[in-house]
Amino acid sequence: GTQLLLEACVRCNVQHFIYTSTIEVTGPNCKGDPIFNGDEDTAYESTSKFPYAQSKRLAEDSVLKADGQVLKDGGMLITCALRSMYIFGEGCPFLRGHLDKCLLNKNVYLRFSRKEALVNPVYVGNIAWAHVQAAKALQVPQKAKHIRGQFYYISDDTPHMSYADLNYELTRDMGFAIEPRLPMPLTMLYYFSLLLEIVSFLLRPFIRYIPSTNRHLVTLLNTPFTFSYRKAQKDFGYVPRYTWAEAKQCTGQWIASIVPQRREYLKSKAA
């Protein structure tokens, strides 16, 4: 799909192409090697074989390699990629899914990541704003020469915390709680996930069984993985448009607005 878009740009003389990439292009790798406040120059062995990460990596590579292609009218294609952290905000399906499990667990969030597995999620409004800033900069030749063919990590000033604790922080004012620890030790959880994967594989000829967790997910959710947006700030002037307080308020209000309907939905589903 990305390749078709690039070909369309060449045929239709679209000069600028910004690809929305993901932190999963980098990792965490299958060994769970951590990164603390990394940047675009941080060396890291990316070994993930998870389909989503692989497809995004291939698409990002295609976009960055397409930089400099000659357009039909003789112009030149200019590309870059923005590697977003985990995106949260209004309408987020992941937040909605975790909320459902929380409601089923008597308003207590399940802890699926260690408290010390720090990450830095980004608010949806800020990742959108980064695209606007990059698009403006690509149209200025002096700035474009520094940006073209490059990838950038996009985060904001959301406090570093685990994925599970993000869910809690966004809703703690509503009276929700969170479990204090993982359901089992991390190593045991990893091998339990492996067992579920084996069961899924063995059942494949007969039924479609999708495990509730897998080794990739356990590693992803329990590996410290934080990145700086300094390069994006330096090269195209990216500064988060929304503060953590604003992001938390907007997202929290959205979650509060859907709690009644989610309760009703879960109640009807159980009936």
C-alpha atoms as a PDB file:
ATOM      1  CA  GLY A   1       0.000   0.000   0.000  1.00  0.00           C
ATOM      2  CA  THR A   2       2.760   2.478   0.887  1.00  0.00           C
ATOM      3  CA  GLN A   3       4.587   1.670  -2.350  1.00  0.00           C
ATOM      4  CA  LEU A   4       1.445   2.447  -4.354  1.00  0.00           C
ATOM      5  CA  LEU A   5       1.149   5.811  -2.595  1.00  0.00           C
ATOM      6  CA  LEU A   6       4.766   6.621  -3.446  1.00  0.00           C
ATOM      7  CA  GLU A   7       4.168   5.707  -7.094  1.00  0.00           C
ATOM      8  CA  ALA A   8       1.055   7.902  -7.107  1.00  0.00           C
ATOM      9  CA  CYS A   9       3.129  10.802  -5.747  1.00  0.00           C
ATOM     10  CA  VAL A  10       5.605  10.437  -8.616  1.00  0.00           C
ATOM     11  CA  ARG A  11       2.854  10.281 -11.258  1.00  0.00           C
ATOM     12  CA  CYS A  12       0.824  13.146  -9.784  1.00  0.00           C
ATOM     13  CA  ASN A  13       3.807  15.369  -8.893  1.00  0.00           C
ATOM     14  CA  VAL A  14       3.228  15.328  -5.140  1.00  0.00           C
ATOM     15  CA  GLN A  15       6.469  16.727  -3.765  1.00  0.00           C
ATOM     16  CA  HIS A  16       6.264  15.933  -0.030  1.00  0.00           C
ATOM     17  CA  PHE A  17       5.598  12.613   1.718  1.00  0.00           C
ATOM     18  CA  ILE A  18       5.555  12.153   5.516  1.00  0.00           C
ATOM     19  CA  TYR A  19       5.229   8.584   6.745  1.00  0.00           C
ATOM     20  CA  THR A  20       3.603   7.854  10.103  1.00  0.00           C
ATOM     21  CA  SER A  21       5.905   5.195  11.508  1.00  0.00           C
ATOM     22  CA  THR A  22       6.041   3.648  14.973  1.00  0.00           C
ATOM     23  CA  ILE A  23       8.423   3.059  17.848  1.00  0.00           C
ATOM     24  CA  GLU A  24       7.984  -0.679  17.184  1.00  0.00           C
ATOM     25  CA  VAL A  25      10.221  -0.284  14.128  1.00  0.00           C
ATOM     26  CA  THR A  26      13.017   0.109  16.673  1.00  0.00           C
ATOM     27  CA  GLY A  27      11.839  -2.357  19.304  1.00  0.00           C
ATOM     28  CA  PRO A  28      11.870  -3.590  21.995  1.00  0.00           C
ATOM     29  CA  ASN A  29      13.724  -6.586  20.627  1.00  0.00           C
ATOM     30  CA  CYS A  30      12.967 -10.162  21.666  1.00  0.00           C
ATOM     31  CA  LYS A  31      15.649  -9.986  24.385  1.00  0.00           C
ATOM     32  CA  GLY A  32      13.902  -7.042  26.037  1.00  0.00           C
ATOM     33  CA  ASP A  33      16.960  -4.771  25.904  1.00  0.00           C
ATOM     34  CA  PRO A  34      15.925  -1.404  27.407  1.00  0.00           C
ATOM     35  CA  ILE A  35      16.514   2.131  26.143  1.00  0.00           C
ATOM     36  CA  PHE A  36      16.376   5.162  28.413  1.00  0.00           C
ATOM     37  CA  ASN A  37      15.903   8.573  26.773  1.00  0.00           C
ATOM     38  CA  GLY A  38      17.230   7.330  23.436  1.00  0.00           C
ATOM     39  CA  ASP A  39      17.512   9.335  20.237  1.00  0.00           C
ATOM     40  CA  GLU A  40      17.958   8.783  16.510  1.00  0.00           C
ATOM     41  CA  ASP A  41      21.661   7.966  16.989  1.00  0.00           C
ATOM     42  CA  THR A  42      21.089   5.330  19.683  1.00  0.00           C
ATOM     43  CA  ALA A  43      22.398   1.960  18.462  1.00  0.00           C
ATOM     44  CA  TYR A  44      19.963  -0.888  19.015  1.00  0.00           C
ATOM     45  CA  GLU A  45      19.644  -4.453  17.774  1.00  0.00           C
ATOM     46  CA  SER A  46      16.133  -4.623  16.330  1.00  0.00           C
ATOM     47  CA  THR A  47      15.106  -8.272  16.046  1.00  0.00           C
ATOM     48  CA  SER A  48      11.310  -8.205  16.300  1.00  0.00           C
ATOM     49  CA  LYS A  49       9.583 -10.672  13.977  1.00  0.00           C
ATOM     50  CA  PHE A  50       6.122  -9.423  14.925  1.00  0.00           C
ATOM     51  CA  PRO A  51       4.177  -8.810  11.658  1.00  0.00           C
ATOM     52  CA  TYR A  52       3.142  -5.243  12.552  1.00  0.00           C
ATOM     53  CA  ALA A  53       6.703  -4.166  13.353  1.00  0.00           C
ATOM     54  CA  GLN A  54       8.076  -5.851  10.232  1.00  0.00           C
ATOM     55  CA  SER A  55       5.492  -4.318   7.903  1.00  0.00           C
ATOM     56  CA  LYS A  56       6.034  -0.838   9.346  1.00  0.00           C
ATOM     57  CA  ARG A  57       9.815  -1.218   9.041  1.00  0.00           C
ATOM     58  CA  LEU A  58       9.556  -2.240   5.378  1.00  0.00           C
ATOM     59  CA  ALA A  59       7.182   0.643   4.645  1.00  0.00           C
ATOM     60  CA  GLU A  60       9.414   3.171   6.411  1.00  0.00           C
ATOM     61  CA  ASP A  61      12.467   1.919   4.495  1.00  0.00           C
ATOM     62  CA  SER A  62      10.573   2.320   1.210  1.00  0.00           C
ATOM     63  CA  VAL A  63       9.599   5.885   2.066  1.00  0.00           C
ATOM     64  CA  LEU A  64      13.081   6.990   3.104  1.00  0.00           C
ATOM     65  CA  LYS A  65      14.693   5.337   0.059  1.00  0.00           C
ATOM     66  CA  ALA A  66      12.178   7.102  -2.197  1.00  0.00           C
ATOM     67  CA  ASP A  67      13.570  10.488  -1.156  1.00  0.00           C
ATOM     68  CA  GLY A  68      15.056  12.193  -4.193  1.00  0.00           C
ATOM     69  CA  GLN A  69      12.993  10.340  -6.797  1.00  0.00           C
ATOM     70  CA  VAL A  70      12.252  12.416  -9.885  1.00  0.00           C
ATOM     71  CA  LEU A  71       8.598  13.350 -10.328  1.00  0.00           C
ATOM     72  CA  LYS A  72       6.754  13.238 -13.642  1.00  0.00           C
ATOM     73  CA  ASP A  73       7.117  17.001 -14.091  1.00  0.00           C
ATOM     74  CA  GLY A  74      10.838  16.898 -13.297  1.00  0.00           C
ATOM     75  CA  GLY A  75      10.496  17.935  -9.656  1.00  0.00           C
ATOM     76  CA  MET A  76      11.854  15.931  -6.752  1.00  0.00           C
ATOM     77  CA  LEU A  77      10.121  13.849  -4.082  1.00  0.00           C
ATOM     78  CA  ILE A  78      11.092  14.766  -0.509  1.00  0.00           C
ATOM     79  CA  THR A  79      10.291  12.278   2.254  1.00  0.00           C
ATOM     80  CA  CYS A  80      10.716  11.724   5.987  1.00  0.00           C
ATOM     81  CA  ALA A  81       9.254   9.435   8.658  1.00  0.00           C
ATOM     82  CA  LEU A  82       7.909  10.178  12.131  1.00  0.00           C
ATOM     83  CA  ARG A  83       8.313   7.310  14.595  1.00  0.00           C
ATOM     84  CA  SER A  84       5.534   7.807  17.092  1.00  0.00           C
ATOM     85  CA  MET A  85       5.520   6.488  20.625  1.00  0.00           C
ATOM     86  CA  TYR A  86       2.360   4.652  21.787  1.00  0.00           C
ATOM     87  CA  ILE A  87      -0.505   7.054  20.987  1.00  0.00           C
ATOM     88  CA  PHE A  88      -3.234   7.759  23.540  1.00  0.00           C
ATOM     89  CA  GLY A  89      -6.166  10.143  23.488  1.00  0.00           C
ATOM     90  CA  GLU A  90      -9.852  10.438  22.736  1.00  0.00           C
ATOM     91  CA  GLY A  91     -11.231   7.491  20.767  1.00  0.00           C
ATOM     92  CA  CYS A  92      -8.245   5.235  21.485  1.00  0.00           C
ATOM     93  CA  PRO A  93      -9.404   1.599  21.035  1.00  0.00           C
ATOM     94  CA  PHE A  94      -6.680   0.300  23.360  1.00  0.00           C
ATOM     95  CA  LEU A  95      -7.843   2.541  26.210  1.00  0.00           C
ATOM     96  CA  ARG A  96     -11.411   1.413  25.586  1.00  0.00           C
ATOM     97  CA  GLY A  97     -10.372  -2.244  25.690  1.00  0.00           C
ATOM     98  CA  HIS A  98      -8.483  -1.801  28.967  1.00  0.00           C
ATOM     99  CA  LEU A  99     -11.445   0.110  30.397  1.00  0.00           C
ATOM    100  CA  ASP A 100     -13.761  -2.816  29.617  1.00  0.00           C
ATOM    101  CA  LYS A 101     -11.467  -5.230  31.458  1.00  0.00           C
ATOM    102  CA  CYS A 102     -11.281  -2.779  34.356  1.00  0.00           C
ATOM    103  CA  LEU A 103     -15.073  -2.557  34.605  1.00  0.00           C
ATOM    104  CA  LEU A 104     -15.327  -6.347  34.545  1.00  0.00           C
ATOM    105  CA  ASN A 105     -12.727  -6.454  37.332  1.00  0.00           C
ATOM    106  CA  LYS A 106     -14.800  -4.276  39.691  1.00  0.00           C
ATOM    107  CA  ASN A 107     -13.203  -0.977  38.579  1.00  0.00           C
ATOM    108  CA  VAL A 108      -9.652  -2.242  39.063  1.00  0.00           C
ATOM    109  CA  TYR A 109      -7.234  -2.129  36.123  1.00  0.00           C
ATOM    110  CA  LEU A 110      -5.336  -5.319  35.412  1.00  0.00           C
ATOM    111  CA  ARG A 111      -1.584  -4.836  35.734  1.00  0.00           C
ATOM    112  CA  PHE A 112      -0.044  -6.147  32.537  1.00  0.00           C
ATOM    113  CA  SER A 113       3.247  -4.214  32.785  1.00  0.00           C
ATOM    114  CA  ARG A 114       5.727  -3.743  35.621  1.00  0.00           C
ATOM    115  CA  LYS A 115       5.700  -0.342  37.281  1.00  0.00           C
ATOM    116  CA  GLU A 116       9.409   0.077  36.450  1.00  0.00           C
ATOM    117  CA  ALA A 117       8.881  -0.642  32.721  1.00  0.00           C
ATOM    118  CA  LEU A 118       8.896   3.064  31.851  1.00  0.00           C
ATOM    119  CA  VAL A 119       7.760   4.266  28.428  1.00  0.00           C
ATOM    120  CA  ASN A 120       6.751   7.712  27.165  1.00  0.00           C
ATOM    121  CA  PRO A 121       3.377   7.630  25.380  1.00  0.00           C
ATOM    122  CA  VAL A 122       2.419  10.569  23.173  1.00  0.00           C
ATOM    123  CA  TYR A 123      -0.930  12.372  23.070  1.00  0.00           C
ATOM    124  CA  VAL A 124      -2.774  12.072  19.753  1.00  0.00           C
ATOM    125  CA  GLY A 125      -2.979  15.857  19.371  1.00  0.00           C
ATOM    126  CA  ASN A 126       0.790  16.177  19.648  1.00  0.00           C
ATOM    127  CA  ILE A 127       1.642  13.490  17.096  1.00  0.00           C
ATOM    128  CA  ALA A 128      -0.815  15.176  14.702  1.00  0.00           C
ATOM    129  CA  TRP A 129       0.842  18.546  15.411  1.00  0.00           C
ATOM    130  CA  ALA A 130       4.263  17.033  14.645  1.00  0.00           C
ATOM    131  CA  HIS A 131       3.013  16.142  11.159  1.00  0.00           C
ATOM    132  CA  VAL A 132       1.852  19.726  10.625  1.00  0.00           C
ATOM    133  CA  GLN A 133       5.217  21.105  11.750  1.00  0.00           C
ATOM    134  CA  ALA A 134       7.151  18.659   9.562  1.00  0.00           C
ATOM    135  CA  ALA A 135       4.955  19.443   6.536  1.00  0.00           C
ATOM    136  CA  LYS A 136       5.593  23.171   6.930  1.00  0.00           C
ATOM    137  CA  ALA A 137       9.335  22.655   7.301  1.00  0.00           C
ATOM    138  CA  LEU A 138       9.563  20.441   4.198  1.00  0.00           C
ATOM    139  CA  GLN A 139       8.327  23.386   2.130  1.00  0.00           C
ATOM    140  CA  VAL A 140      11.261  25.543   3.254  1.00  0.00           C
ATOM    141  CA  PRO A 141      14.376  24.519   1.260  1.00  0.00           C
ATOM    142  CA  GLN A 142      16.828  25.450   4.026  1.00  0.00           C
ATOM    143  CA  LYS A 143      14.967  23.243   6.520  1.00  0.00           C
ATOM    144  CA  ALA A 144      14.051  20.493   4.068  1.00  0.00           C
ATOM    145  CA  LYS A 145      17.693  19.670   3.344  1.00  0.00           C
ATOM    146  CA  HIS A 146      18.160  18.635   6.987  1.00  0.00           C
ATOM    147  CA  ILE A 147      14.902  16.664   7.221  1.00  0.00           C
ATOM    148  CA  ARG A 148      14.732  14.766   3.927  1.00  0.00           C
ATOM    149  CA  GLY A 149      15.411  11.038   4.096  1.00  0.00           C
ATOM    150  CA  GLN A 150      15.446  11.108   7.912  1.00  0.00           C
ATOM    151  CA  PHE A 151      13.313   9.499  10.608  1.00  0.00           C
ATOM    152  CA  TYR A 152      12.349  11.248  13.844  1.00  0.00           C
ATOM    153  CA  TYR A 153      11.121  10.004  17.210  1.00  0.00           C
ATOM    154  CA  ILE A 154       8.015  11.890  18.286  1.00  0.00           C
ATOM    155  CA  SER A 155       7.115  12.018  21.964  1.00  0.00           C
ATOM    156  CA  ASP A 156       5.895  14.813  24.235  1.00  0.00           C
ATOM    157  CA  ASP A 157       6.007  15.778  27.899  1.00  0.00           C
ATOM    158  CA  THR A 158       3.807  12.953  29.173  1.00  0.00           C
ATOM    159  CA  PRO A 159       5.523  11.634  32.338  1.00  0.00           C
ATOM    160  CA  HIS A 160       7.435   8.403  31.860  1.00  0.00           C
ATOM    161  CA  MET A 161       5.379   5.524  33.259  1.00  0.00           C
ATOM    162  CA  SER A 162       4.380   1.969  32.404  1.00  0.00           C
ATOM    163  CA  TYR A 163       1.556   1.279  29.959  1.00  0.00           C
ATOM    164  CA  ALA A 164      -0.624  -0.076  32.776  1.00  0.00           C
ATOM    165  CA  ASP A 165       0.013   2.975  34.937  1.00  0.00           C
ATOM    166  CA  LEU A 166      -0.972   5.275  32.060  1.00  0.00           C
ATOM    167  CA  ASN A 167      -4.454   3.724  32.089  1.00  0.00           C
ATOM    168  CA  TYR A 168      -4.648   4.333  35.820  1.00  0.00           C
ATOM    169  CA  GLU A 169      -3.336   7.919  35.700  1.00  0.00           C
ATOM    170  CA  LEU A 170      -5.941   8.877  33.116  1.00  0.00           C
ATOM    171  CA  THR A 171      -8.822   7.645  35.286  1.00  0.00           C
ATOM    172  CA  ARG A 172      -7.687   7.728  38.912  1.00  0.00           C
ATOM    173  CA  ASP A 173      -9.846  10.820  39.575  1.00  0.00           C
ATOM    174  CA  MET A 174     -12.897   8.719  38.656  1.00  0.00           C
ATOM    175  CA  GLY A 175     -12.209   6.302  41.491  1.00  0.00           C
ATOM    176  CA  PHE A 176     -10.593   3.535  39.469  1.00  0.00           C
ATOM    177  CA  ALA A 177      -7.757   1.494  40.979  1.00  0.00           C
ATOM    178  CA  ILE A 178      -4.983  -0.731  39.618  1.00  0.00           C
ATOM    179  CA  GLU A 179      -3.605  -4.070  40.717  1.00  0.00           C
ATOM    180  CA  PRO A 180      -0.291  -3.680  42.594  1.00  0.00           C
ATOM    181  CA  ARG A 181       1.625  -6.367  40.690  1.00  0.00           C
ATOM    182  CA  LEU A 182       1.639  -8.630  37.647  1.00  0.00           C
ATOM    183  CA  PRO A 183      -0.659 -11.687  37.819  1.00  0.00           C
ATOM    184  CA  MET A 184       2.464 -13.868  38.024  1.00  0.00           C
ATOM    185  CA  PRO A 185       6.270 -13.363  37.967  1.00  0.00           C
ATOM    186  CA  LEU A 186       7.467 -11.968  34.633  1.00  0.00           C
ATOM    187  CA  THR A 187       9.463 -15.063  33.625  1.00  0.00           C
ATOM    188  CA  MET A 188       6.489 -17.287  34.395  1.00  0.00           C
ATOM    189  CA  LEU A 189       4.215 -14.938  32.435  1.00  0.00           C
ATOM    190  CA  TYR A 190       6.561 -15.179  29.445  1.00  0.00           C
ATOM    191  CA  TYR A 191       6.493 -18.988  29.405  1.00  0.00           C
ATOM    192  CA  PHE A 192       2.761 -19.039  30.038  1.00  0.00           C
ATOM    193  CA  SER A 193       2.406 -16.922  26.889  1.00  0.00           C
ATOM    194  CA  LEU A 194       4.608 -19.391  25.012  1.00  0.00           C
ATOM    195  CA  LEU A 195       2.304 -22.201  26.140  1.00  0.00           C
ATOM    196  CA  LEU A 196      -0.720 -20.295  24.817  1.00  0.00           C
ATOM    197  CA  GLU A 197       1.054 -19.802  21.484  1.00  0.00           C
ATOM    198  CA  ILE A 198       1.737 -23.557  21.267  1.00  0.00           C
ATOM    199  CA  VAL A 199      -1.904 -24.353  22.045  1.00  0.00           C
ATOM    200  CA  SER A 200      -2.998 -21.880  19.353  1.00  0.00           C
ATOM    201  CA  PHE A 201      -0.674 -23.544  16.826  1.00  0.00           C
ATOM    202  CA  LEU A 202      -1.899 -27.061  17.656  1.00  0.00           C
ATOM    203  CA  LEU A 203      -5.550 -26.034  17.388  1.00  0.00           C
ATOM    204  CA  ARG A 204      -5.072 -24.184  14.092  1.00  0.00           C
ATOM    205  CA  PRO A 205      -6.299 -27.085  11.865  1.00  0.00           C
ATOM    206  CA  PHE A 206      -9.536 -27.257  13.863  1.00  0.00           C
ATOM    207  CA  ILE A 207     -10.464 -23.869  15.329  1.00  0.00           C
ATOM    208  CA  ARG A 208      -9.156 -20.305  15.316  1.00  0.00           C
ATOM    209  CA  TYR A 209      -7.888 -19.627  18.829  1.00  0.00           C
ATOM    210  CA  ILE A 210      -6.317 -16.221  19.491  1.00  0.00           C
ATOM    211  CA  PRO A 211      -4.350 -16.191  22.781  1.00  0.00           C
ATOM    212  CA  SER A 212      -5.044 -13.340  25.179  1.00  0.00           C
ATOM    213  CA  THR A 213      -1.303 -12.656  25.290  1.00  0.00           C
ATOM    214  CA  ASN A 214       1.927 -13.689  23.564  1.00  0.00           C
ATOM    215  CA  ARG A 215       5.672 -13.426  24.139  1.00  0.00           C
ATOM    216  CA  HIS A 216       6.010 -10.331  21.957  1.00  0.00           C
ATOM    217  CA  LEU A 217       3.314  -8.526  23.929  1.00  0.00           C
ATOM    218  CA  VAL A 218       4.806  -9.507  27.296  1.00  0.00           C
ATOM    219  CA  THR A 219       8.214  -8.193  26.178  1.00  0.00           C
ATOM    220  CA  LEU A 220       6.767  -5.018  24.646  1.00  0.00           C
ATOM    221  CA  LEU A 221       4.790  -4.134  27.764  1.00  0.00           C
ATOM    222  CA  ASN A 222       7.558  -4.894  30.246  1.00  0.00           C
ATOM    223  CA  THR A 223      10.651  -3.328  28.658  1.00  0.00           C
ATOM    224  CA  PRO A 224      11.734   0.219  29.627  1.00  0.00           C
ATOM    225  CA  PHE A 225      11.745   2.128  26.306  1.00  0.00           C
ATOM    226  CA  THR A 226      11.849   5.942  26.287  1.00  0.00           C
ATOM    227  CA  PHE A 227      12.933   8.431  23.618  1.00  0.00           C
ATOM    228  CA  SER A 228      13.610  12.147  23.273  1.00  0.00           C
ATOM    229  CA  TYR A 229      12.082  14.467  20.661  1.00  0.00           C
ATOM    230  CA  ARG A 230      15.111  16.813  20.656  1.00  0.00           C
ATOM    231  CA  LYS A 231      16.068  16.125  17.038  1.00  0.00           C
ATOM    232  CA  ALA A 232      12.548  16.913  15.793  1.00  0.00           C
ATOM    233  CA  GLN A 233      12.634  20.101  17.844  1.00  0.00           C
ATOM    234  CA  LYS A 234      16.007  21.075  16.385  1.00  0.00           C
ATOM    235  CA  ASP A 235      15.338  20.201  12.733  1.00  0.00           C
ATOM    236  CA  PHE A 236      11.743  21.301  12.193  1.00  0.00           C
ATOM    237  CA  GLY A 237      10.727  23.134  15.343  1.00  0.00           C
ATOM    238  CA  TYR A 238       8.464  20.498  16.854  1.00  0.00           C
ATOM    239  CA  VAL A 239       7.205  21.484  20.290  1.00  0.00           C
ATOM    240  CA  PRO A 240       4.205  19.664  21.818  1.00  0.00           C
ATOM    241  CA  ARG A 241       1.041  21.711  21.369  1.00  0.00           C
ATOM    242  CA  TYR A 242      -0.749  20.124  24.329  1.00  0.00           C
ATOM    243  CA  THR A 243       0.621  19.809  27.856  1.00  0.00           C
ATOM    244  CA  TRP A 244       0.329  16.615  29.870  1.00  0.00           C
ATOM    245  CA  ALA A 245      -2.361  18.285  32.001  1.00  0.00           C
ATOM    246  CA  GLU A 246      -4.410  19.132  28.893  1.00  0.00           C
ATOM    247  CA  ALA A 247      -3.902  15.688  27.362  1.00  0.00           C
ATOM    248  CA  LYS A 248      -4.893  13.994  30.611  1.00  0.00           C
ATOM    249  CA  GLN A 249      -7.986  16.173  31.001  1.00  0.00           C
ATOM    250  CA  CYS A 250      -9.233  15.670  27.431  1.00  0.00           C
ATOM    251  CA  THR A 251      -8.600  11.924  27.465  1.00  0.00           C
ATOM    252  CA  GLY A 252     -10.060  11.528  30.951  1.00  0.00           C
ATOM    253  CA  GLN A 253     -13.225  13.395  29.972  1.00  0.00           C
ATOM    254  CA  TRP A 254     -13.651  11.134  26.951  1.00  0.00           C
ATOM    255  CA  ILE A 255     -13.193   7.994  29.066  1.00  0.00           C
ATOM    256  CA  ALA A 256     -15.679   9.308  31.648  1.00  0.00           C
ATOM    257  CA  SER A 257     -18.202   9.951  28.868  1.00  0.00           C
ATOM    258  CA  ILE A 258     -18.105   6.351  27.617  1.00  0.00           C
ATOM    259  CA  VAL A 259     -18.111   4.570  31.005  1.00  0.00           C
ATOM    260  CA  PRO A 260     -21.957   4.352  31.223  1.00  0.00           C
ATOM    261  CA  GLN A 261     -22.327   2.919  27.716  1.00  0.00           C
ATOM    262  CA  ARG A 262     -19.438   0.469  28.227  1.00  0.00           C
ATOM    263  CA  ARG A 263     -21.053  -0.742  31.461  1.00  0.00           C
ATOM    264  CA  GLU A 264     -24.347  -1.218  29.612  1.00  0.00           C
ATOM    265  CA  TYR A 265     -22.629  -2.997  26.729  1.00  0.00           C
ATOM    266  CA  LEU A 266     -20.772  -5.407  29.029  1.00  0.00           C
ATOM    267  CA  LYS A 267     -23.958  -6.045  30.998  1.00  0.00           C
ATOM    268  CA  SER A 268     -25.936  -6.909  27.843  1.00  0.00           C
ATOM    269  CA  LYS A 269     -23.104  -9.081  26.567  1.00  0.00           C
ATOM    270  CA  ALA A 270     -23.100 -11.122  29.788  1.00  0.00           C
ATOM    271  CA  ALA A 271     -26.880 -11.552  29.792  1.00  0.00           C
END
